[in-house]
Amino acid sequence: MSWALIADSSCNLRGYTPSAPDTIYRFAPLKVNVGGHEYVDDEALDVAELNRRVAAEESATSSACPSVGEWADRFRSADNVIAITISANLSGSYEAAIMARDLVLEEDGSRNIFIVNSRAAGKLELLIVALDRYLTEHPDATFNEVTAYICNVEQSSTVLFLLSSYENLAKAGRMPKVAGMLANKLNIRMLGTASSEGTIKVLGPARSQK
């Protein structure tokens, strides 16, 4: 039986080749809109150019999740599919993946497709690599055993991040522009995490050691 590990492109893995036998990795691209120009988050994306455009654009950027068709195309890649998405509270990626799963299962009910809501942005790499390691070490694992394992890993993992720039938050209206300017000017860095509901929670200021 073949396996496919699928993620949306909030997972930073590019060109990843799983170690597990009969296993592939693919990702479905998100899109970022900056000043009316759409950037597709795939292998051809010029990240430096995107960052320059975001910094120069006065209005807030927006994003779009992978389409149902893009997810469905990837779900047809193997007999057993595990897909992991950015938090359902941050994007429509999870819902699009659910619809794609139902579509593909209507075509072929013999497939196994499981969707994981990571409830975060930033731990998809950890989950993909953990899945690959588990399948490598347990080549005879059943689909239910694999899904139970990854659900346990997702539930017990936490992402911490350090916020050093507030420009995008201010542009999006998520914090007052004056506060954002002062925080940037004073080089204030905040430590945060993703809550169990998939929302971002600020824990407090981070202190640097000199």
N, C-alpha and C. Protein backbone atom coordinates (compact mmCIF):
# COMPACT_ATOMS: atom_id res chain seq x y z
N MET A 1 0.84 -1.20 0.00
CA MET A 1 0.00 0.00 0.00
C MET A 1 0.88 1.25 0.00
N SER A 2 0.53 2.19 -0.84
CA SER A 2 1.31 3.43 -0.93
C SER A 2 0.77 4.48 0.03
N TRP A 3 1.67 5.38 0.43
CA TRP A 3 1.32 6.45 1.36
C TRP A 3 1.66 7.81 0.74
N ALA A 4 0.84 8.81 1.05
CA ALA A 4 1.14 10.19 0.67
C ALA A 4 0.98 11.08 1.89
N LEU A 5 2.01 11.84 2.19
CA LEU A 5 1.97 12.84 3.26
C LEU A 5 1.79 14.19 2.58
N ILE A 6 0.67 14.84 2.87
CA ILE A 6 0.30 16.07 2.17
C ILE A 6 0.17 17.21 3.18
N ALA A 7 0.60 18.40 2.80
CA ALA A 7 0.42 19.59 3.65
C ALA A 7 0.09 20.77 2.76
N ASP A 8 -0.48 21.81 3.35
CA ASP A 8 -0.55 23.06 2.58
C ASP A 8 0.81 23.75 2.74
N SER A 9 1.01 24.82 1.97
CA SER A 9 2.36 25.39 1.90
C SER A 9 2.74 26.25 3.11
N SER A 10 1.87 26.30 4.14
CA SER A 10 2.35 26.89 5.40
C SER A 10 3.41 25.99 6.02
N CYS A 11 3.48 24.74 5.54
CA CYS A 11 4.59 23.84 5.88
C CYS A 11 5.79 24.27 5.05
N ASN A 12 6.90 24.53 5.70
CA ASN A 12 8.06 25.08 5.00
C ASN A 12 8.92 24.04 4.30
N LEU A 13 8.51 22.79 4.31
CA LEU A 13 9.29 21.77 3.61
C LEU A 13 9.14 21.93 2.10
N ARG A 14 10.26 21.97 1.42
CA ARG A 14 10.28 22.04 -0.04
C ARG A 14 11.26 20.98 -0.53
N GLY A 15 10.86 20.20 -1.49
CA GLY A 15 11.73 19.18 -2.02
C GLY A 15 12.02 18.07 -1.03
N TYR A 16 11.12 17.86 -0.08
CA TYR A 16 11.33 16.83 0.95
C TYR A 16 11.07 15.44 0.38
N THR A 17 11.95 14.51 0.65
CA THR A 17 11.78 13.13 0.22
C THR A 17 11.68 12.24 1.45
N PRO A 18 10.53 11.63 1.70
CA PRO A 18 10.37 10.76 2.88
C PRO A 18 11.32 9.56 2.84
N SER A 19 11.68 9.11 4.04
CA SER A 19 12.52 7.92 4.17
C SER A 19 11.68 6.64 4.16
N ALA A 20 10.42 6.75 4.54
CA ALA A 20 9.55 5.58 4.62
C ALA A 20 9.34 4.97 3.23
N PRO A 21 9.25 3.65 3.15
CA PRO A 21 9.04 3.00 1.84
C PRO A 21 7.66 3.31 1.26
N ASP A 22 7.60 3.42 -0.07
CA ASP A 22 6.34 3.64 -0.79
C ASP A 22 5.60 4.87 -0.27
N THR A 23 6.36 5.92 0.06
CA THR A 23 5.77 7.14 0.63
C THR A 23 6.26 8.37 -0.13
N ILE A 24 5.33 9.26 -0.45
CA ILE A 24 5.70 10.52 -1.11
C ILE A 24 5.24 11.70 -0.26
N TYR A 25 5.81 12.85 -0.53
CA TYR A 25 5.38 14.10 0.11
C TYR A 25 5.01 15.10 -0.97
N ARG A 26 3.87 15.75 -0.81
CA ARG A 26 3.45 16.82 -1.71
C ARG A 26 2.80 17.93 -0.89
N PHE A 27 2.79 19.15 -1.44
CA PHE A 27 2.10 20.23 -0.74
C PHE A 27 1.19 20.99 -1.70
N ALA A 28 0.14 21.58 -1.14
CA ALA A 28 -0.82 22.38 -1.90
C ALA A 28 -0.57 23.85 -1.59
N PRO A 29 -0.39 24.70 -2.60
CA PRO A 29 0.05 26.08 -2.35
C PRO A 29 -1.06 27.03 -1.91
N LEU A 30 -0.73 27.83 -0.91
CA LEU A 30 -1.54 28.99 -0.57
C LEU A 30 -1.17 30.12 -1.54
N LYS A 31 -2.01 31.14 -1.59
CA LYS A 31 -1.72 32.31 -2.41
C LYS A 31 -1.72 33.56 -1.54
N VAL A 32 -0.81 34.49 -1.83
CA VAL A 32 -0.71 35.74 -1.09
C VAL A 32 -0.95 36.89 -2.04
N ASN A 33 -1.88 37.78 -1.67
CA ASN A 33 -2.19 38.95 -2.50
C ASN A 33 -1.58 40.19 -1.88
N VAL A 34 -0.72 40.85 -2.64
CA VAL A 34 -0.05 42.07 -2.18
C VAL A 34 -0.30 43.17 -3.21
N GLY A 35 -1.07 44.17 -2.82
CA GLY A 35 -1.32 45.28 -3.72
C GLY A 35 -1.93 44.88 -5.04
N GLY A 36 -2.80 43.86 -5.03
CA GLY A 36 -3.46 43.42 -6.25
C GLY A 36 -2.68 42.39 -7.04
N HIS A 37 -1.49 42.05 -6.60
CA HIS A 37 -0.68 41.02 -7.29
C HIS A 37 -0.69 39.74 -6.48
N GLU A 38 -1.01 38.63 -7.14
CA GLU A 38 -1.09 37.34 -6.45
C GLU A 38 0.22 36.57 -6.59
N TYR A 39 0.74 36.12 -5.44
CA TYR A 39 1.92 35.27 -5.41
C TYR A 39 1.49 33.87 -5.01
N VAL A 40 1.89 32.88 -5.79
CA VAL A 40 1.58 31.49 -5.48
C VAL A 40 2.74 30.91 -4.67
N ASP A 41 2.44 30.35 -3.51
CA ASP A 41 3.47 29.85 -2.61
C ASP A 41 3.92 28.45 -3.02
N ASP A 42 4.63 28.40 -4.14
CA ASP A 42 5.14 27.13 -4.62
C ASP A 42 6.66 27.20 -4.77
N GLU A 43 7.26 26.24 -5.45
CA GLU A 43 8.72 26.19 -5.57
C GLU A 43 9.28 27.38 -6.33
N ALA A 44 8.47 28.01 -7.20
CA ALA A 44 8.96 29.11 -8.02
C ALA A 44 8.85 30.47 -7.32
N LEU A 45 8.28 30.52 -6.12
CA LEU A 45 8.09 31.80 -5.43
C LEU A 45 9.42 32.46 -5.09
N ASP A 46 9.55 33.74 -5.45
CA ASP A 46 10.71 34.55 -5.07
C ASP A 46 10.39 35.17 -3.71
N VAL A 47 10.85 34.54 -2.63
CA VAL A 47 10.49 34.98 -1.28
C VAL A 47 11.04 36.37 -1.00
N ALA A 48 12.25 36.66 -1.46
CA ALA A 48 12.85 37.97 -1.22
C ALA A 48 12.01 39.06 -1.87
N GLU A 49 11.55 38.82 -3.10
CA GLU A 49 10.71 39.79 -3.79
C GLU A 49 9.38 39.97 -3.07
N LEU A 50 8.79 38.86 -2.62
CA LEU A 50 7.53 38.95 -1.88
C LEU A 50 7.70 39.79 -0.62
N ASN A 51 8.77 39.56 0.12
CA ASN A 51 9.01 40.33 1.35
C ASN A 51 9.20 41.81 1.05
N ARG A 52 9.87 42.11 -0.05
CA ARG A 52 10.05 43.53 -0.44
C ARG A 52 8.70 44.18 -0.76
N ARG A 53 7.85 43.45 -1.48
CA ARG A 53 6.54 44.01 -1.84
C ARG A 53 5.67 44.20 -0.61
N VAL A 54 5.70 43.25 0.32
CA VAL A 54 4.92 43.37 1.55
C VAL A 54 5.36 44.57 2.36
N ALA A 55 6.68 44.77 2.48
CA ALA A 55 7.21 45.90 3.25
C ALA A 55 6.86 47.23 2.61
N ALA A 56 6.82 47.27 1.27
CA ALA A 56 6.55 48.53 0.57
C ALA A 56 5.06 48.85 0.47
N GLU A 57 4.20 47.84 0.57
CA GLU A 57 2.76 48.03 0.42
C GLU A 57 2.16 48.60 1.69
N GLU A 58 1.40 49.69 1.56
CA GLU A 58 0.80 50.34 2.72
C GLU A 58 -0.44 49.60 3.21
N SER A 59 -1.17 48.97 2.32
CA SER A 59 -2.39 48.26 2.72
C SER A 59 -2.04 46.85 3.19
N ALA A 60 -2.99 46.23 3.86
CA ALA A 60 -2.78 44.88 4.39
C ALA A 60 -2.73 43.86 3.26
N THR A 61 -1.92 42.84 3.43
CA THR A 61 -1.90 41.73 2.49
C THR A 61 -3.03 40.75 2.83
N SER A 62 -3.39 39.92 1.88
CA SER A 62 -4.42 38.90 2.12
C SER A 62 -3.93 37.58 1.54
N SER A 63 -4.60 36.51 1.92
CA SER A 63 -4.18 35.20 1.43
C SER A 63 -5.40 34.38 1.05
N ALA A 64 -5.16 33.38 0.22
CA ALA A 64 -6.22 32.45 -0.19
C ALA A 64 -5.71 31.03 -0.02
N CYS A 65 -6.59 30.15 0.41
CA CYS A 65 -6.18 28.77 0.67
C CYS A 65 -6.13 27.97 -0.63
N PRO A 66 -5.50 26.80 -0.60
CA PRO A 66 -5.52 25.91 -1.78
C PRO A 66 -6.96 25.57 -2.14
N SER A 67 -7.21 25.40 -3.42
CA SER A 67 -8.56 25.07 -3.87
C SER A 67 -8.88 23.61 -3.59
N VAL A 68 -10.17 23.30 -3.66
CA VAL A 68 -10.61 21.91 -3.49
C VAL A 68 -9.96 21.02 -4.56
N GLY A 69 -9.87 21.54 -5.79
CA GLY A 69 -9.27 20.78 -6.87
C GLY A 69 -7.80 20.49 -6.64
N GLU A 70 -7.07 21.47 -6.09
CA GLU A 70 -5.65 21.26 -5.80
C GLU A 70 -5.45 20.19 -4.73
N TRP A 71 -6.28 20.23 -3.69
CA TRP A 71 -6.21 19.19 -2.68
C TRP A 71 -6.56 17.82 -3.28
N ALA A 72 -7.65 17.78 -4.05
CA ALA A 72 -8.10 16.50 -4.63
C ALA A 72 -7.02 15.88 -5.51
N ASP A 73 -6.34 16.70 -6.30
CA ASP A 73 -5.27 16.19 -7.16
C ASP A 73 -4.21 15.48 -6.34
N ARG A 74 -3.87 16.03 -5.19
CA ARG A 74 -2.84 15.43 -4.34
C ARG A 74 -3.36 14.20 -3.60
N PHE A 75 -4.65 14.19 -3.28
CA PHE A 75 -5.22 13.04 -2.57
C PHE A 75 -5.30 11.79 -3.46
N ARG A 76 -5.21 11.99 -4.76
CA ARG A 76 -5.24 10.84 -5.68
C ARG A 76 -3.85 10.21 -5.85
N SER A 77 -2.87 10.68 -5.08
CA SER A 77 -1.49 10.25 -5.26
C SER A 77 -1.16 8.90 -4.65
N ALA A 78 -2.00 8.41 -3.72
CA ALA A 78 -1.66 7.18 -3.01
C ALA A 78 -2.91 6.51 -2.45
N ASP A 79 -2.73 5.28 -1.97
CA ASP A 79 -3.84 4.54 -1.37
C ASP A 79 -4.19 5.12 0.01
N ASN A 80 -3.16 5.46 0.78
CA ASN A 80 -3.34 6.01 2.12
C ASN A 80 -2.81 7.44 2.14
N VAL A 81 -3.64 8.37 2.55
CA VAL A 81 -3.27 9.78 2.54
C VAL A 81 -3.47 10.39 3.92
N ILE A 82 -2.43 11.06 4.41
CA ILE A 82 -2.54 11.87 5.63
C ILE A 82 -2.25 13.31 5.22
N ALA A 83 -3.21 14.20 5.41
CA ALA A 83 -3.04 15.61 5.05
C ALA A 83 -3.07 16.47 6.31
N ILE A 84 -2.20 17.47 6.35
CA ILE A 84 -2.11 18.36 7.51
C ILE A 84 -2.25 19.80 7.02
N THR A 85 -3.12 20.56 7.69
CA THR A 85 -3.37 21.94 7.27
C THR A 85 -3.02 22.93 8.37
N ILE A 86 -2.82 24.17 7.95
CA ILE A 86 -2.71 25.28 8.89
C ILE A 86 -4.01 25.34 9.70
N SER A 87 -3.98 25.98 10.86
CA SER A 87 -5.16 26.05 11.72
C SER A 87 -6.42 26.43 10.97
N ALA A 88 -7.50 25.71 11.22
CA ALA A 88 -8.79 26.03 10.60
C ALA A 88 -9.30 27.39 11.04
N ASN A 89 -8.78 27.94 12.15
CA ASN A 89 -9.18 29.27 12.60
C ASN A 89 -8.45 30.38 11.85
N LEU A 90 -7.43 30.02 11.09
CA LEU A 90 -6.64 31.02 10.37
C LEU A 90 -6.86 30.99 8.87
N SER A 91 -7.41 29.91 8.36
CA SER A 91 -7.54 29.74 6.91
C SER A 91 -8.66 28.77 6.58
N GLY A 92 -9.12 28.83 5.33
CA GLY A 92 -10.11 27.87 4.85
C GLY A 92 -9.48 26.61 4.32
N SER A 93 -8.18 26.45 4.52
CA SER A 93 -7.46 25.29 3.97
C SER A 93 -8.03 23.97 4.48
N TYR A 94 -8.33 23.89 5.76
CA TYR A 94 -8.86 22.66 6.35
C TYR A 94 -10.21 22.29 5.72
N GLU A 95 -11.10 23.27 5.60
CA GLU A 95 -12.42 23.00 5.03
C GLU A 95 -12.31 22.58 3.57
N ALA A 96 -11.40 23.22 2.82
CA ALA A 96 -11.20 22.84 1.42
C ALA A 96 -10.69 21.41 1.33
N ALA A 97 -9.80 21.03 2.24
CA ALA A 97 -9.28 19.66 2.26
C ALA A 97 -10.38 18.65 2.58
N ILE A 98 -11.26 19.00 3.50
CA ILE A 98 -12.38 18.11 3.84
C ILE A 98 -13.27 17.89 2.62
N MET A 99 -13.58 18.96 1.89
CA MET A 99 -14.42 18.83 0.70
C MET A 99 -13.72 18.00 -0.37
N ALA A 100 -12.41 18.18 -0.50
CA ALA A 100 -11.65 17.41 -1.48
C ALA A 100 -11.64 15.93 -1.11
N ARG A 101 -11.49 15.64 0.18
CA ARG A 101 -11.53 14.25 0.64
C ARG A 101 -12.84 13.58 0.24
N ASP A 102 -13.96 14.27 0.52
CA ASP A 102 -15.28 13.71 0.19
C ASP A 102 -15.41 13.48 -1.32
N LEU A 103 -14.88 14.41 -2.11
CA LEU A 103 -14.94 14.28 -3.57
C LEU A 103 -14.17 13.06 -4.05
N VAL A 104 -12.94 12.89 -3.54
CA VAL A 104 -12.10 11.78 -3.99
C VAL A 104 -12.66 10.44 -3.52
N LEU A 105 -13.22 10.41 -2.31
CA LEU A 105 -13.80 9.16 -1.81
C LEU A 105 -15.07 8.77 -2.58
N GLU A 106 -15.77 9.74 -3.13
CA GLU A 106 -16.91 9.43 -3.99
C GLU A 106 -16.42 8.74 -5.27
N GLU A 107 -15.26 9.15 -5.74
CA GLU A 107 -14.68 8.54 -6.95
C GLU A 107 -14.16 7.13 -6.67
N ASP A 108 -13.54 6.96 -5.51
CA ASP A 108 -12.91 5.69 -5.16
C ASP A 108 -12.98 5.48 -3.65
N GLY A 109 -13.95 4.70 -3.23
CA GLY A 109 -14.17 4.49 -1.80
C GLY A 109 -13.15 3.59 -1.14
N SER A 110 -12.23 3.02 -1.92
CA SER A 110 -11.21 2.14 -1.34
C SER A 110 -10.03 2.91 -0.74
N ARG A 111 -9.94 4.19 -1.02
CA ARG A 111 -8.84 5.00 -0.49
C ARG A 111 -9.06 5.32 0.98
N ASN A 112 -7.96 5.59 1.67
CA ASN A 112 -8.02 6.08 3.05
C ASN A 112 -7.45 7.49 3.08
N ILE A 113 -8.25 8.46 3.53
CA ILE A 113 -7.80 9.85 3.57
C ILE A 113 -8.15 10.44 4.94
N PHE A 114 -7.15 10.97 5.62
CA PHE A 114 -7.35 11.55 6.95
C PHE A 114 -6.79 12.96 6.96
N ILE A 115 -7.57 13.91 7.48
CA ILE A 115 -7.17 15.32 7.51
C ILE A 115 -6.88 15.73 8.95
N VAL A 116 -5.73 16.35 9.18
CA VAL A 116 -5.34 16.82 10.50
C VAL A 116 -5.37 18.35 10.51
N ASN A 117 -6.15 18.92 11.41
CA ASN A 117 -6.13 20.37 11.65
C ASN A 117 -5.01 20.63 12.65
N SER A 118 -3.91 21.22 12.20
CA SER A 118 -2.75 21.41 13.08
C SER A 118 -3.02 22.40 14.21
N ARG A 119 -4.10 23.21 14.07
CA ARG A 119 -4.46 24.22 15.07
C ARG A 119 -3.30 25.18 15.34
N ALA A 120 -2.49 25.41 14.34
CA ALA A 120 -1.32 26.27 14.51
C ALA A 120 -0.82 26.70 13.13
N ALA A 121 0.19 27.54 13.14
CA ALA A 121 0.94 27.88 11.95
C ALA A 121 2.40 27.77 12.33
N GLY A 122 3.06 26.73 11.86
CA GLY A 122 4.46 26.59 12.20
C GLY A 122 4.89 25.22 12.68
N LYS A 123 3.93 24.31 12.88
CA LYS A 123 4.35 22.97 13.33
C LYS A 123 4.05 21.87 12.32
N LEU A 124 3.70 22.26 11.11
CA LEU A 124 3.40 21.25 10.10
C LEU A 124 4.64 20.44 9.74
N GLU A 125 5.81 21.10 9.70
CA GLU A 125 7.05 20.37 9.41
C GLU A 125 7.28 19.27 10.44
N LEU A 126 7.09 19.61 11.71
CA LEU A 126 7.28 18.64 12.79
C LEU A 126 6.37 17.43 12.58
N LEU A 127 5.11 17.67 12.22
CA LEU A 127 4.15 16.59 12.06
C LEU A 127 4.47 15.72 10.85
N ILE A 128 4.88 16.35 9.74
CA ILE A 128 5.25 15.57 8.56
C ILE A 128 6.46 14.70 8.84
N VAL A 129 7.49 15.27 9.45
CA VAL A 129 8.71 14.51 9.75
C VAL A 129 8.40 13.39 10.76
N ALA A 130 7.54 13.67 11.74
CA ALA A 130 7.15 12.64 12.71
C ALA A 130 6.42 11.49 12.03
N LEU A 131 5.54 11.82 11.10
CA LEU A 131 4.84 10.78 10.34
C LEU A 131 5.81 9.92 9.54
N ASP A 132 6.74 10.58 8.86
CA ASP A 132 7.73 9.86 8.06
C ASP A 132 8.55 8.91 8.94
N ARG A 133 8.97 9.40 10.11
CA ARG A 133 9.75 8.57 11.01
C ARG A 133 8.93 7.37 11.50
N TYR A 134 7.66 7.62 11.83
CA TYR A 134 6.81 6.53 12.33
C TYR A 134 6.61 5.46 11.26
N LEU A 135 6.35 5.89 10.01
CA LEU A 135 6.14 4.93 8.93
C LEU A 135 7.42 4.17 8.61
N THR A 136 8.57 4.83 8.78
CA THR A 136 9.85 4.16 8.56
C THR A 136 10.08 3.07 9.60
N GLU A 137 9.75 3.41 10.85
CA GLU A 137 9.97 2.46 11.95
C GLU A 137 8.87 1.43 12.07
N HIS A 138 7.69 1.72 11.49
CA HIS A 138 6.55 0.78 11.58
C HIS A 138 5.96 0.57 10.18
N PRO A 139 6.70 -0.09 9.30
CA PRO A 139 6.24 -0.24 7.91
C PRO A 139 4.95 -1.04 7.77
N ASP A 140 4.59 -1.83 8.79
CA ASP A 140 3.37 -2.63 8.71
C ASP A 140 2.21 -2.02 9.50
N ALA A 141 2.36 -0.77 9.91
CA ALA A 141 1.30 -0.12 10.69
C ALA A 141 0.03 0.02 9.87
N THR A 142 -1.11 -0.13 10.52
CA THR A 142 -2.39 0.06 9.85
C THR A 142 -2.69 1.55 9.73
N PHE A 143 -3.64 1.86 8.87
CA PHE A 143 -4.03 3.27 8.69
C PHE A 143 -4.54 3.85 10.01
N ASN A 144 -5.33 3.10 10.74
CA ASN A 144 -5.86 3.60 12.02
C ASN A 144 -4.75 3.83 13.04
N GLU A 145 -3.74 2.97 13.03
CA GLU A 145 -2.62 3.16 13.95
C GLU A 145 -1.84 4.43 13.62
N VAL A 146 -1.67 4.69 12.34
CA VAL A 146 -0.94 5.90 11.92
C VAL A 146 -1.73 7.15 12.28
N THR A 147 -3.03 7.15 12.03
CA THR A 147 -3.83 8.34 12.35
C THR A 147 -3.89 8.58 13.86
N ALA A 148 -3.97 7.51 14.64
CA ALA A 148 -3.97 7.66 16.09
C ALA A 148 -2.66 8.26 16.57
N TYR A 149 -1.57 7.81 15.97
CA TYR A 149 -0.24 8.33 16.35
C TYR A 149 -0.13 9.82 16.06
N ILE A 150 -0.50 10.24 14.85
CA ILE A 150 -0.30 11.64 14.49
C ILE A 150 -1.25 12.55 15.26
N CYS A 151 -2.43 12.08 15.59
CA CYS A 151 -3.34 12.87 16.42
C CYS A 151 -2.76 13.09 17.81
N ASN A 152 -2.12 12.07 18.35
CA ASN A 152 -1.48 12.20 19.66
C ASN A 152 -0.32 13.19 19.62
N VAL A 153 0.48 13.12 18.55
CA VAL A 153 1.60 14.07 18.39
C VAL A 153 1.07 15.50 18.28
N GLU A 154 0.03 15.68 17.47
CA GLU A 154 -0.54 17.04 17.29
C GLU A 154 -1.06 17.58 18.61
N GLN A 155 -1.76 16.76 19.37
CA GLN A 155 -2.36 17.22 20.63
C GLN A 155 -1.30 17.59 21.66
N SER A 156 -0.14 16.94 21.62
CA SER A 156 0.88 17.15 22.65
C SER A 156 1.97 18.13 22.23
N SER A 157 1.87 18.71 21.04
CA SER A 157 2.91 19.63 20.56
C SER A 157 2.45 21.08 20.68
N THR A 158 3.41 21.96 20.93
CA THR A 158 3.15 23.40 21.07
C THR A 158 4.18 24.19 20.28
N VAL A 159 3.73 25.26 19.65
CA VAL A 159 4.63 26.13 18.91
C VAL A 159 4.85 27.42 19.68
N LEU A 160 6.12 27.79 19.87
CA LEU A 160 6.47 29.09 20.42
C LEU A 160 7.10 29.92 19.32
N PHE A 161 6.81 31.21 19.30
CA PHE A 161 7.41 32.08 18.28
C PHE A 161 7.82 33.41 18.90
N LEU A 162 8.78 34.05 18.26
CA LEU A 162 9.27 35.35 18.70
C LEU A 162 8.88 36.39 17.67
N LEU A 163 8.08 37.37 18.09
CA LEU A 163 7.59 38.41 17.19
C LEU A 163 8.50 39.63 17.30
N SER A 164 9.15 39.98 16.18
CA SER A 164 10.09 41.10 16.20
C SER A 164 9.67 42.26 15.31
N SER A 165 8.66 42.06 14.48
CA SER A 165 8.14 43.13 13.62
C SER A 165 6.62 43.19 13.74
N TYR A 166 6.09 44.40 13.79
CA TYR A 166 4.65 44.59 14.01
C TYR A 166 3.98 45.30 12.83
N GLU A 167 4.72 45.46 11.73
CA GLU A 167 4.20 46.20 10.59
C GLU A 167 2.95 45.57 10.01
N ASN A 168 2.98 44.26 9.79
CA ASN A 168 1.82 43.59 9.19
C ASN A 168 0.61 43.60 10.11
N LEU A 169 0.84 43.48 11.43
CA LEU A 169 -0.28 43.54 12.38
C LEU A 169 -0.93 44.91 12.34
N ALA A 170 -0.12 45.95 12.26
CA ALA A 170 -0.65 47.31 12.21
C ALA A 170 -1.40 47.55 10.90
N LYS A 171 -0.84 47.08 9.78
CA LYS A 171 -1.48 47.25 8.48
C LYS A 171 -2.84 46.55 8.44
N ALA A 172 -2.92 45.40 9.11
CA ALA A 172 -4.16 44.62 9.10
C ALA A 172 -5.17 45.11 10.13
N GLY A 173 -4.80 46.14 10.90
CA GLY A 173 -5.71 46.68 11.90
C GLY A 173 -5.80 45.85 13.16
N ARG A 174 -4.84 44.95 13.39
CA ARG A 174 -4.88 44.09 14.57
C ARG A 174 -4.19 44.74 15.77
N MET A 175 -3.54 45.86 15.55
CA MET A 175 -2.99 46.65 16.64
C MET A 175 -2.88 48.08 16.17
N PRO A 176 -2.96 49.08 17.07
CA PRO A 176 -2.87 50.47 16.66
C PRO A 176 -1.55 50.76 15.95
N LYS A 177 -1.60 51.58 14.90
CA LYS A 177 -0.40 51.86 14.13
C LYS A 177 0.67 52.53 14.98
N VAL A 178 0.25 53.40 15.89
CA VAL A 178 1.22 54.08 16.75
C VAL A 178 1.93 53.06 17.65
N ALA A 179 1.16 52.13 18.19
CA ALA A 179 1.76 51.10 19.05
C ALA A 179 2.74 50.25 18.26
N GLY A 180 2.38 49.93 17.01
CA GLY A 180 3.26 49.14 16.17
C GLY A 180 4.55 49.89 15.86
N MET A 181 4.43 51.17 15.56
CA MET A 181 5.61 51.99 15.27
C MET A 181 6.53 52.07 16.48
N LEU A 182 5.94 52.27 17.66
CA LEU A 182 6.75 52.36 18.88
C LEU A 182 7.44 51.04 19.19
N ALA A 183 6.70 49.94 19.02
CA ALA A 183 7.28 48.62 19.30
C ALA A 183 8.45 48.34 18.37
N ASN A 184 8.29 48.70 17.09
CA ASN A 184 9.39 48.51 16.14
C ASN A 184 10.57 49.40 16.48
N LYS A 185 10.28 50.66 16.81
CA LYS A 185 11.33 51.63 17.10
C LYS A 185 12.12 51.23 18.35
N LEU A 186 11.42 50.71 19.35
CA LEU A 186 12.07 50.32 20.60
C LEU A 186 12.62 48.90 20.56
N ASN A 187 12.43 48.24 19.41
CA ASN A 187 12.93 46.86 19.23
C ASN A 187 12.37 45.91 20.30
N ILE A 188 11.07 46.07 20.58
CA ILE A 188 10.41 45.20 21.56
C ILE A 188 10.06 43.88 20.90
N ARG A 189 10.44 42.79 21.53
CA ARG A 189 10.15 41.47 21.00
C ARG A 189 9.20 40.73 21.94
N MET A 190 8.18 40.10 21.35
CA MET A 190 7.17 39.42 22.14
C MET A 190 7.21 37.92 21.88
N LEU A 191 7.06 37.16 22.96
CA LEU A 191 6.99 35.71 22.87
C LEU A 191 5.52 35.29 22.82
N GLY A 192 5.20 34.43 21.87
CA GLY A 192 3.82 34.01 21.74
C GLY A 192 3.70 32.53 21.46
N THR A 193 2.47 32.04 21.45
CA THR A 193 2.19 30.64 21.16
C THR A 193 0.84 30.54 20.49
N ALA A 194 0.53 29.36 19.96
CA ALA A 194 -0.79 29.11 19.38
C ALA A 194 -1.62 28.40 20.42
N SER A 195 -2.83 28.89 20.67
CA SER A 195 -3.70 28.27 21.65
C SER A 195 -4.29 26.98 21.09
N SER A 196 -4.97 26.22 21.95
CA SER A 196 -5.59 24.97 21.51
C SER A 196 -6.70 25.20 20.49
N GLU A 197 -7.22 26.44 20.42
CA GLU A 197 -8.26 26.77 19.44
C GLU A 197 -7.66 27.24 18.12
N GLY A 198 -6.33 27.32 18.05
CA GLY A 198 -5.69 27.74 16.82
C GLY A 198 -5.47 29.23 16.72
N THR A 199 -5.76 29.99 17.75
CA THR A 199 -5.53 31.42 17.73
C THR A 199 -4.18 31.74 18.36
N ILE A 200 -3.68 32.94 18.07
CA ILE A 200 -2.37 33.35 18.58
C ILE A 200 -2.52 34.01 19.93
N LYS A 201 -1.68 33.62 20.87
CA LYS A 201 -1.70 34.18 22.22
C LYS A 201 -0.32 34.73 22.55
N VAL A 202 -0.28 36.00 22.93
CA VAL A 202 0.98 36.63 23.32
C VAL A 202 1.26 36.33 24.78
N LEU A 203 2.44 35.78 25.05
CA LEU A 203 2.80 35.40 26.41
C LEU A 203 3.45 36.53 27.19
N GLY A 204 4.16 37.42 26.49
CA GLY A 204 4.83 38.53 27.16
C GLY A 204 6.11 38.92 26.44
N PRO A 205 6.74 39.98 26.90
CA PRO A 205 7.97 40.44 26.26
C PRO A 205 9.12 39.46 26.50
N ALA A 206 9.97 39.33 25.48
CA ALA A 206 11.14 38.46 25.61
C ALA A 206 12.35 39.33 25.96
N ARG A 207 13.14 38.86 26.89
CA ARG A 207 14.32 39.59 27.33
C ARG A 207 15.56 39.02 26.69
N SER A 208 16.40 39.87 26.17
CA SER A 208 17.64 39.43 25.56
C SER A 208 18.75 39.43 26.59
N GLN A 209 19.64 38.46 26.47
CA GLN A 209 20.78 38.37 27.38
C GLN A 209 21.95 39.09 26.75
N LYS A 210 22.60 39.95 27.51
CA LYS A 210 23.77 40.68 27.00
C LYS A 210 25.02 40.21 27.73
